[in-house]
Amino acid sequence: MKKILIIEDEANIRETLSEILAISDYKVIQARNGKEGFKKAIESSPDLVVCDMIMKQMDGIDTIKAFQNHSDLSFIPFIFLSARSQVSDIRIGMNLGAEDYLTKPFEPKELLSVIKLHFKKIEKFHKLSEDSTKDVITKAIKELALEDSAAKKKWTDYLQSAANVQIAILPRKSEISHLFPDNFIYFQPKFSVSGDFYWIQNFGDIQLIAVVDCTGHGIQGSLLSICFYNVLNLTVQHYGLRKPKEILEKANELVLIFMEEHERTHNEVGMDVVICAIDQKNKSITYAGAKSPLYLITNKVDTVVCEKIKKYSQRTGKPLFKVMGSRFAIGCKNEKFEIEEHTIKYKSGDMLYLSSNGYTDQFGGPSDKCFNSLNFTNLLLSIQNEKLREQKSILTYNFNLWKGDSEQTDDVTLLGIKL
């Protein structure tokens, strides 16, 4: 009976994998992290390792390196599991010697198929080692290498195709510039595909614009982004809604119907949204947010400062008003779910910013902490008099400087518009 070592820090995933493999007549050894997995591998000599990439105590990269540096473990094949889906992440795993890479979530039959394939490769290689000449073995190794190379290219092409599909739903730069000539878009996904997207609809005197942050990253987040993109379109095109509050309430209703039909929980599907209806004729912004604030730099004296609207000022320049959204995300089943709406007047030349939380949540800096919303607010205040192209350059530079050598924490989307 083949022995498979599962290294996974999430207990429910570890137990599910164990059940799937045990039913398929594999002997399963479990480990909660790379350090424990390395120790159990020395004790039990597994035939194959299924290992999570992201673990707090000794992640997948460090684990495979430890195996390769141990003479008795260096030839044990690795299959990586991870929510990471960027091509560079896959390449890192493969370059370190991993046999394959499965992206969460995956189907049980997909995992079993990959394991079966690699055991066949091992058996084939062993047979050739026993029965064939050195030249035949060399040929077989080249064939296996070609198979692996083809698999890697397939993954790369697959992810690039997914990224191309997602990019197609985003408004073109020319569409936004036609409505708001002075603007910038800072869109920096964590992986090749993103859980963030931005959206715009033009209804003559009223323009709807939104930034959406869906649950998760990579493939999971990108699939939800396509789903919620269609939900937003449905609210305005089928139901004829134009008010941000009504759009988000209807969107929540549609997402809940979707979850109930597919027996999903509210923890699996959620979207943070900032959405505005901009009336350029009457110079007003109507805003609603699901856990996402709006940032407006204006001198309008009739802007109301209240519990939901905070005012921030510097010695020079206009003040910044941060308008807070609802504490509920879209996809919430809470009976107290409520979306508030605010209408604020503006003047020509005022600045509007719509952002996901990717910028403020980025870890880095001297203490490896979040950039946080106060630093973000002060940064926006400090660059308000710069041209929009220069604002984007400064924001990009500061984000990369703060991130440093750290991994990007989340997808980042930030739209700046001069009204």
Protein backbone atom coordinates (compact mmCIF):
# COMPACT_ATOMS: atom_id res chain seq x y z
CA MET A 1 0.00 0.00 0.00
CA LYS A 2 1.40 3.36 -1.05
CA LYS A 3 2.04 5.86 1.75
CA ILE A 4 1.15 9.52 1.25
CA LEU A 5 2.15 12.27 3.67
CA ILE A 6 -0.28 15.21 3.86
CA ILE A 7 1.19 18.48 5.17
CA GLU A 8 -1.64 21.00 5.64
CA ASP A 9 -2.22 23.50 8.46
CA GLU A 10 -6.02 23.71 8.04
CA ALA A 11 -7.52 20.79 9.92
CA ASN A 12 -10.72 20.49 7.87
CA ILE A 13 -8.79 20.37 4.58
CA ARG A 14 -6.28 17.90 6.05
CA GLU A 15 -9.06 15.56 7.23
CA THR A 16 -10.93 15.80 3.92
CA LEU A 17 -7.78 14.91 1.96
CA SER A 18 -7.12 11.99 4.30
CA GLU A 19 -10.62 10.60 3.77
CA ILE A 20 -10.34 10.92 -0.02
CA LEU A 21 -6.98 9.12 -0.12
CA ALA A 22 -7.94 6.44 2.42
CA ILE A 23 -11.01 5.52 0.37
CA SER A 24 -8.68 5.09 -2.62
CA ASP A 25 -6.53 2.54 -0.69
CA TYR A 26 -3.63 4.82 0.20
CA LYS A 27 -2.07 4.82 3.64
CA VAL A 28 -2.23 8.41 4.94
CA ILE A 29 0.14 10.18 7.33
CA GLN A 30 -0.91 13.64 8.54
CA ALA A 31 1.19 16.65 9.57
CA ARG A 32 0.04 20.12 10.64
CA ASN A 33 3.02 22.04 9.25
CA GLY A 34 6.31 21.62 7.41
CA LYS A 35 8.36 21.06 10.54
CA GLU A 36 6.12 18.23 11.73
CA GLY A 37 5.89 16.84 8.20
CA PHE A 38 9.69 16.70 7.83
CA LYS A 39 9.98 14.77 11.12
CA LYS A 40 7.24 12.29 10.14
CA ALA A 41 8.82 11.78 6.72
CA ILE A 42 12.08 10.70 8.36
CA GLU A 43 10.15 8.25 10.53
CA SER A 44 7.83 6.79 7.87
CA SER A 45 9.51 7.30 4.44
CA PRO A 46 6.36 8.19 2.45
CA ASP A 47 6.07 7.43 -1.26
CA LEU A 48 4.65 10.89 -2.05
CA VAL A 49 4.02 14.22 -0.28
CA VAL A 50 0.96 16.45 -0.72
CA CYS A 51 1.96 19.80 0.79
CA ASP A 52 0.28 23.18 1.30
CA MET A 53 2.29 26.17 0.07
CA ILE A 54 1.25 28.71 2.71
CA MET A 55 1.78 27.67 6.36
CA LYS A 56 2.76 29.77 9.33
CA GLN A 57 5.34 27.31 10.66
CA MET A 58 7.72 26.27 7.85
CA ASP A 59 5.88 26.89 4.57
CA GLY A 60 5.90 24.68 1.47
CA ILE A 61 9.03 26.24 -0.05
CA ASP A 62 11.11 25.68 3.10
CA THR A 63 9.67 22.17 3.46
CA ILE A 64 10.68 20.98 -0.01
CA LYS A 65 14.12 22.49 0.48
CA ALA A 66 14.51 20.55 3.74
CA PHE A 67 13.50 17.32 1.98
CA GLN A 68 15.95 17.90 -0.85
CA ASN A 69 18.80 18.53 1.59
CA HIS A 70 18.16 15.18 3.32
CA SER A 71 19.73 12.19 1.56
CA ASP A 72 16.88 9.79 2.42
CA LEU A 73 14.07 12.20 1.46
CA SER A 74 15.42 14.05 -1.58
CA PHE A 75 13.78 11.72 -4.15
CA ILE A 76 10.26 11.78 -2.65
CA PRO A 77 7.90 13.49 -5.15
CA PHE A 78 6.00 16.62 -4.03
CA ILE A 79 2.57 17.87 -5.06
CA PHE A 80 1.84 21.42 -3.90
CA LEU A 81 -1.61 22.65 -2.88
CA SER A 82 -2.30 26.35 -2.61
CA ALA A 83 -4.77 29.21 -3.11
CA ARG A 84 -1.92 30.96 -4.93
CA SER A 85 -2.46 30.96 -8.67
CA GLN A 86 0.08 33.39 -10.12
CA VAL A 87 2.37 31.96 -12.77
CA SER A 88 5.47 33.05 -10.81
CA ASP A 89 4.31 31.11 -7.74
CA ILE A 90 3.78 27.97 -9.81
CA ARG A 91 7.20 28.40 -11.40
CA ILE A 92 8.89 28.70 -7.99
CA GLY A 93 7.37 25.41 -6.86
CA MET A 94 8.22 23.62 -10.09
CA ASN A 95 11.79 24.94 -10.17
CA LEU A 96 12.34 23.57 -6.68
CA GLY A 97 11.47 20.09 -7.93
CA ALA A 98 7.74 19.78 -7.28
CA GLU A 99 6.00 17.23 -9.49
CA ASP A 100 2.76 19.14 -9.77
CA TYR A 101 0.71 22.07 -8.40
CA LEU A 102 -3.01 22.07 -7.61
CA THR A 103 -4.88 25.30 -6.93
CA LYS A 104 -7.52 25.36 -4.20
CA PRO A 105 -10.38 24.61 -4.45
CA PHE A 106 -10.04 21.41 -6.53
CA GLU A 107 -12.11 18.34 -7.24
CA PRO A 108 -11.16 15.03 -5.47
CA LYS A 109 -10.92 13.25 -8.81
CA GLU A 110 -8.40 15.89 -9.97
CA LEU A 111 -6.14 15.18 -6.98
CA LEU A 112 -6.47 11.40 -7.38
CA SER A 113 -5.72 11.67 -11.09
CA VAL A 114 -2.52 13.65 -10.44
CA ILE A 115 -1.36 11.19 -7.74
CA LYS A 116 -2.10 8.19 -9.96
CA LEU A 117 -0.17 9.77 -12.83
CA HIS A 118 2.95 10.34 -10.72
CA PHE A 119 2.92 6.83 -9.27
CA LYS A 120 2.76 5.52 -12.84
CA LYS A 121 5.77 7.68 -13.70
CA ILE A 122 7.67 6.29 -10.71
CA GLU A 123 6.81 2.69 -11.64
CA LYS A 124 7.82 3.29 -15.23
CA PHE A 125 11.14 4.75 -14.16
CA HIS A 126 11.85 1.88 -11.76
CA LYS A 127 11.09 -0.70 -14.45
CA LEU A 128 13.43 1.02 -16.87
CA SER A 129 16.13 1.18 -14.20
CA GLU A 130 15.97 -2.55 -13.71
CA ASP A 131 15.56 -3.77 -17.30
CA SER A 132 17.07 -1.20 -19.63
CA THR A 133 20.41 0.13 -20.65
CA LYS A 134 21.75 3.51 -19.66
CA ASP A 135 20.74 5.03 -23.02
CA VAL A 136 17.14 3.87 -22.67
CA ILE A 137 16.93 5.29 -19.14
CA THR A 138 18.28 8.62 -20.37
CA LYS A 139 15.65 8.67 -23.10
CA ALA A 140 12.88 7.92 -20.60
CA ILE A 141 14.07 10.75 -18.33
CA LYS A 142 13.94 13.16 -21.27
CA GLU A 143 10.41 12.00 -22.08
CA LEU A 144 9.31 12.62 -18.50
CA ALA A 145 10.97 16.04 -18.56
CA LEU A 146 9.05 16.89 -21.75
CA GLU A 147 5.80 15.81 -20.10
CA ASP A 148 6.52 18.09 -17.12
CA SER A 149 7.44 20.97 -19.42
CA ALA A 150 4.16 20.56 -21.33
CA ALA A 151 2.24 20.55 -18.03
CA LYS A 152 3.92 23.77 -16.92
CA LYS A 153 3.13 25.45 -20.24
CA LYS A 154 -0.48 24.30 -19.97
CA TRP A 155 -0.75 25.96 -16.53
CA THR A 156 0.85 29.16 -17.80
CA ASP A 157 -1.47 29.34 -20.81
CA TYR A 158 -4.50 28.55 -18.65
CA LEU A 159 -3.82 31.35 -16.18
CA GLN A 160 -3.04 33.87 -18.91
CA SER A 161 -6.33 33.01 -20.65
CA ALA A 162 -8.20 33.51 -17.38
CA ALA A 163 -6.50 36.88 -16.88
CA ASN A 164 -7.45 37.94 -20.42
CA VAL A 165 -11.11 37.08 -19.78
CA GLN A 166 -11.16 39.07 -16.56
CA ILE A 167 -9.47 42.10 -18.10
CA ALA A 168 -12.17 42.11 -20.79
CA ILE A 169 -14.86 43.01 -18.22
CA LEU A 170 -13.00 46.10 -16.98
CA PRO A 171 -13.99 49.45 -18.48
CA ARG A 172 -11.54 50.72 -21.05
CA LYS A 173 -9.40 53.66 -20.06
CA SER A 174 -10.97 55.62 -22.94
CA GLU A 175 -14.49 55.01 -21.54
CA ILE A 176 -13.58 56.48 -18.16
CA SER A 177 -11.64 59.36 -19.73
CA HIS A 178 -14.63 60.24 -21.92
CA LEU A 179 -16.74 60.75 -18.77
CA PHE A 180 -13.98 62.06 -16.49
CA PRO A 181 -11.08 63.43 -18.57
CA ASP A 182 -8.73 63.81 -15.59
CA ASN A 183 -8.35 60.41 -13.90
CA PHE A 184 -5.95 57.60 -13.00
CA ILE A 185 -6.38 53.87 -12.39
CA TYR A 186 -4.00 51.95 -10.13
CA PHE A 187 -4.86 48.27 -10.59
CA GLN A 188 -2.35 45.82 -9.11
CA PRO A 189 -3.67 42.25 -8.60
CA LYS A 190 -1.89 40.01 -6.09
CA PHE A 191 -1.86 37.19 -8.65
CA SER A 192 -2.40 36.97 -12.42
CA VAL A 193 -6.15 37.08 -11.85
CA SER A 194 -7.87 39.28 -9.29
CA GLY A 195 -10.72 39.41 -6.80
CA ASP A 196 -10.93 43.19 -7.37
CA PHE A 197 -12.54 44.96 -10.30
CA TYR A 198 -13.85 48.42 -11.17
CA TRP A 199 -17.13 49.16 -12.97
CA ILE A 200 -18.75 52.14 -14.66
CA GLN A 201 -22.12 52.86 -16.30
CA ASN A 202 -23.17 56.03 -18.10
CA PHE A 203 -26.81 57.21 -17.95
CA GLY A 204 -26.52 60.69 -19.45
CA ASP A 205 -26.35 63.18 -16.58
CA ILE A 206 -25.69 60.39 -14.08
CA GLN A 207 -22.59 58.19 -14.06
CA LEU A 208 -22.35 55.13 -11.81
CA ILE A 209 -18.86 54.09 -10.81
CA ALA A 210 -17.76 51.39 -8.37
CA VAL A 211 -14.76 49.49 -7.02
CA VAL A 212 -15.47 45.95 -5.83
CA ASP A 213 -13.33 43.67 -3.64
CA CYS A 214 -14.50 40.02 -3.70
CA THR A 215 -13.67 37.33 -1.15
CA GLY A 216 -10.32 35.65 -1.76
CA HIS A 217 -7.52 36.04 -4.28
CA GLY A 218 -6.42 34.35 -7.47
CA ILE A 219 -8.82 31.98 -9.19
CA GLN A 220 -11.40 31.96 -6.37
CA GLY A 221 -11.57 35.76 -6.24
CA SER A 222 -11.60 36.13 -10.02
CA LEU A 223 -14.57 33.77 -10.40
CA LEU A 224 -16.50 35.76 -7.81
CA SER A 225 -15.57 38.99 -9.58
CA ILE A 226 -17.16 37.73 -12.82
CA CYS A 227 -20.25 36.69 -10.85
CA PHE A 228 -20.63 40.05 -9.09
CA TYR A 229 -19.87 41.99 -12.27
CA ASN A 230 -22.94 40.32 -13.77
CA VAL A 231 -24.95 41.02 -10.59
CA LEU A 232 -24.18 44.76 -10.84
CA ASN A 233 -25.15 44.82 -14.50
CA LEU A 234 -28.39 43.01 -13.67
CA THR A 235 -29.36 45.61 -11.05
CA VAL A 236 -29.14 48.51 -13.51
CA GLN A 237 -30.04 46.84 -16.81
CA HIS A 238 -32.83 44.47 -15.74
CA TYR A 239 -34.17 46.16 -12.59
CA GLY A 240 -33.50 49.70 -13.79
CA LEU A 241 -31.92 50.85 -10.51
CA ARG A 242 -29.82 54.02 -10.39
CA LYS A 243 -29.46 54.84 -6.68
CA PRO A 244 -26.35 53.30 -5.03
CA LYS A 245 -28.29 52.20 -1.93
CA GLU A 246 -30.91 50.37 -3.99
CA ILE A 247 -28.26 48.80 -6.21
CA LEU A 248 -26.36 47.35 -3.24
CA GLU A 249 -29.52 46.12 -1.53
CA LYS A 250 -30.68 44.35 -4.69
CA ALA A 251 -27.17 42.98 -5.23
CA ASN A 252 -27.20 41.52 -1.71
CA GLU A 253 -30.58 39.91 -2.40
CA LEU A 254 -29.32 38.35 -5.66
CA VAL A 255 -26.10 37.05 -4.06
CA LEU A 256 -28.08 35.43 -1.22
CA ILE A 257 -30.32 33.71 -3.76
CA PHE A 258 -27.21 32.46 -5.53
CA MET A 259 -25.74 31.10 -2.29
CA GLU A 260 -28.94 29.35 -1.27
CA GLU A 261 -29.31 27.73 -4.68
CA HIS A 262 -25.77 26.38 -4.49
CA GLU A 263 -25.82 25.61 -0.75
CA ARG A 264 -22.94 27.93 0.04
CA THR A 265 -22.38 29.79 3.31
CA HIS A 266 -22.03 33.53 3.74
CA ASN A 267 -18.41 33.03 4.77
CA GLU A 268 -17.54 31.75 1.30
CA VAL A 269 -19.03 34.58 -0.77
CA GLY A 270 -18.75 38.27 -0.01
CA MET A 271 -17.99 41.59 -1.65
CA ASP A 272 -16.86 44.94 -0.26
CA VAL A 273 -18.15 47.70 -2.54
CA VAL A 274 -17.83 51.45 -2.89
CA ILE A 275 -20.29 52.86 -5.44
CA CYS A 276 -21.15 56.43 -6.45
CA ALA A 277 -23.76 58.07 -8.64
CA ILE A 278 -22.17 61.27 -9.94
CA ASP A 279 -24.53 63.98 -11.16
CA GLN A 280 -22.30 66.31 -13.16
CA LYS A 281 -25.17 68.67 -14.01
CA ASN A 282 -26.07 69.36 -10.36
CA LYS A 283 -22.52 68.68 -9.10
CA SER A 284 -23.46 66.08 -6.50
CA ILE A 285 -22.17 62.66 -5.48
CA THR A 286 -24.53 60.04 -4.05
CA TYR A 287 -22.49 57.35 -2.30
CA ALA A 288 -23.18 54.00 -0.69
CA GLY A 289 -20.63 51.52 0.59
CA ALA A 290 -20.54 47.93 1.78
CA LYS A 291 -17.55 48.00 4.18
CA SER A 292 -15.73 50.36 1.81
CA PRO A 293 -15.31 54.12 2.41
CA LEU A 294 -15.24 57.00 -0.07
CA TYR A 295 -12.53 59.69 -0.05
CA LEU A 296 -13.43 63.22 -1.25
CA ILE A 297 -11.17 66.26 -1.22
CA THR A 298 -13.32 69.41 -1.35
CA ASN A 299 -13.75 72.90 0.08
CA LYS A 300 -17.55 72.74 0.05
CA VAL A 301 -18.65 74.34 3.29
CA ASP A 302 -22.00 72.55 3.37
CA THR A 303 -20.42 69.10 3.58
CA VAL A 304 -21.86 67.67 6.81
CA VAL A 305 -19.38 66.25 9.30
CA CYS A 306 -21.04 63.51 11.35
CA GLU A 307 -20.37 60.06 12.74
CA LYS A 308 -20.24 58.62 9.22
CA ILE A 309 -18.27 61.50 7.64
CA LYS A 310 -14.83 62.32 9.06
CA LYS A 311 -12.87 65.43 8.13
CA TYR A 312 -9.05 65.47 7.82
CA SER A 313 -7.01 68.60 7.18
CA GLN A 314 -3.42 69.72 6.64
CA ARG A 315 -1.93 73.21 6.93
CA THR A 316 -2.36 73.83 3.21
CA GLY A 317 -4.77 72.52 0.62
CA LYS A 318 -8.36 71.37 0.79
CA PRO A 319 -9.62 69.07 3.55
CA LEU A 320 -10.37 65.41 2.92
CA PHE A 321 -13.72 63.89 3.84
CA LYS A 322 -13.80 60.15 4.48
CA VAL A 323 -17.35 58.85 4.12
CA MET A 324 -17.86 55.52 5.89
CA GLY A 325 -19.95 52.74 4.40
CA SER A 326 -22.12 50.08 5.98
CA ARG A 327 -20.49 47.55 8.31
CA PHE A 328 -22.02 44.75 6.23
CA ALA A 329 -20.53 43.21 3.10
CA ILE A 330 -22.64 42.13 0.15
CA GLY A 331 -23.58 38.50 0.74
CA CYS A 332 -24.53 39.08 4.38
CA LYS A 333 -27.52 37.21 5.87
CA ASN A 334 -27.68 39.35 9.01
CA GLU A 335 -31.24 40.49 9.74
CA LYS A 336 -29.86 43.94 10.59
CA PHE A 337 -28.31 44.32 7.12
CA GLU A 338 -28.65 47.94 6.11
CA ILE A 339 -27.02 50.21 3.54
CA GLU A 340 -26.78 53.94 4.16
CA GLU A 341 -26.64 56.54 1.40
CA HIS A 342 -25.01 59.99 1.47
CA THR A 343 -25.36 62.82 -1.04
CA ILE A 344 -22.57 65.40 -1.06
CA LYS A 345 -22.15 68.52 -3.18
CA TYR A 346 -18.83 69.17 -4.91
CA LYS A 347 -17.07 71.89 -6.89
CA SER A 348 -15.16 71.58 -10.13
CA GLY A 349 -11.58 70.58 -9.37
CA ASP A 350 -12.43 68.51 -6.28
CA MET A 351 -10.81 65.03 -6.03
CA LEU A 352 -12.65 61.74 -5.60
CA TYR A 353 -10.95 58.43 -4.71
CA LEU A 354 -12.51 54.94 -4.78
CA SER A 355 -10.37 52.16 -3.38
CA SER A 356 -10.37 48.54 -2.28
CA ASN A 357 -8.61 47.79 1.03
CA GLY A 358 -5.55 46.29 -0.66
CA TYR A 359 -3.47 49.44 -0.28
CA THR A 360 -4.22 50.05 3.40
CA ASP A 361 -3.89 46.35 4.33
CA GLN A 362 -0.44 45.92 2.81
CA PHE A 363 2.14 44.66 5.31
CA GLY A 364 5.61 46.19 5.31
CA GLY A 365 7.53 49.15 6.61
CA PRO A 366 10.12 49.03 9.40
CA SER A 367 7.82 47.09 11.78
CA ASP A 368 6.10 44.86 9.17
CA LYS A 369 2.67 46.33 9.89
CA CYS A 370 -0.34 47.36 7.76
CA PHE A 371 -0.01 50.65 5.91
CA ASN A 372 -3.39 51.54 7.54
CA SER A 373 -6.10 54.03 6.58
CA LEU A 374 -4.65 57.04 8.44
CA ASN A 375 -1.37 56.86 6.49
CA PHE A 376 -3.41 56.44 3.31
CA THR A 377 -5.54 59.48 4.14
CA ASN A 378 -2.47 61.64 4.85
CA LEU A 379 -0.87 60.47 1.61
CA LEU A 380 -3.94 61.48 -0.41
CA LEU A 381 -3.99 64.87 1.31
CA SER A 382 -0.32 65.44 0.53
CA ILE A 383 -0.61 64.75 -3.22
CA GLN A 384 -3.91 66.55 -3.93
CA ASN A 385 -2.27 69.39 -5.92
CA GLU A 386 -0.23 67.07 -8.14
CA LYS A 387 -1.31 66.14 -11.65
CA LEU A 388 -3.19 62.86 -11.81
CA ARG A 389 -0.37 61.02 -13.59
CA GLU A 390 2.05 62.16 -10.89
CA GLN A 391 -0.41 61.14 -8.15
CA LYS A 392 -0.49 57.61 -9.51
CA SER A 393 3.33 57.50 -9.68
CA ILE A 394 3.62 58.66 -6.05
CA LEU A 395 1.02 56.15 -4.84
CA THR A 396 2.73 53.32 -6.73
CA TYR A 397 6.16 54.28 -5.40
CA ASN A 398 4.95 54.52 -1.79
CA PHE A 399 3.14 51.17 -2.01
CA ASN A 400 6.23 49.39 -3.34
CA LEU A 401 8.48 51.16 -0.84
CA TRP A 402 6.25 50.09 2.07
CA LYS A 403 5.92 46.52 0.74
CA GLY A 404 9.66 46.15 0.23
CA ASP A 405 10.59 42.46 0.06
CA SER A 406 7.30 41.37 1.64
CA GLU A 407 4.69 39.46 -0.31
CA GLN A 408 1.79 41.52 -1.64
CA THR A 409 -1.01 41.09 0.88
CA ASP A 410 -4.08 41.64 -1.31
CA ASP A 411 -5.31 42.85 -4.69
CA VAL A 412 -5.00 46.64 -4.98
CA THR A 413 -7.44 48.86 -6.87
CA LEU A 414 -7.54 52.65 -6.61
CA LEU A 415 -9.37 55.10 -8.90
CA GLY A 416 -8.68 58.82 -8.73
CA ILE A 417 -11.01 61.31 -10.46
CA LYS A 418 -10.83 65.08 -10.69
CA LEU A 419 -14.40 66.27 -10.76
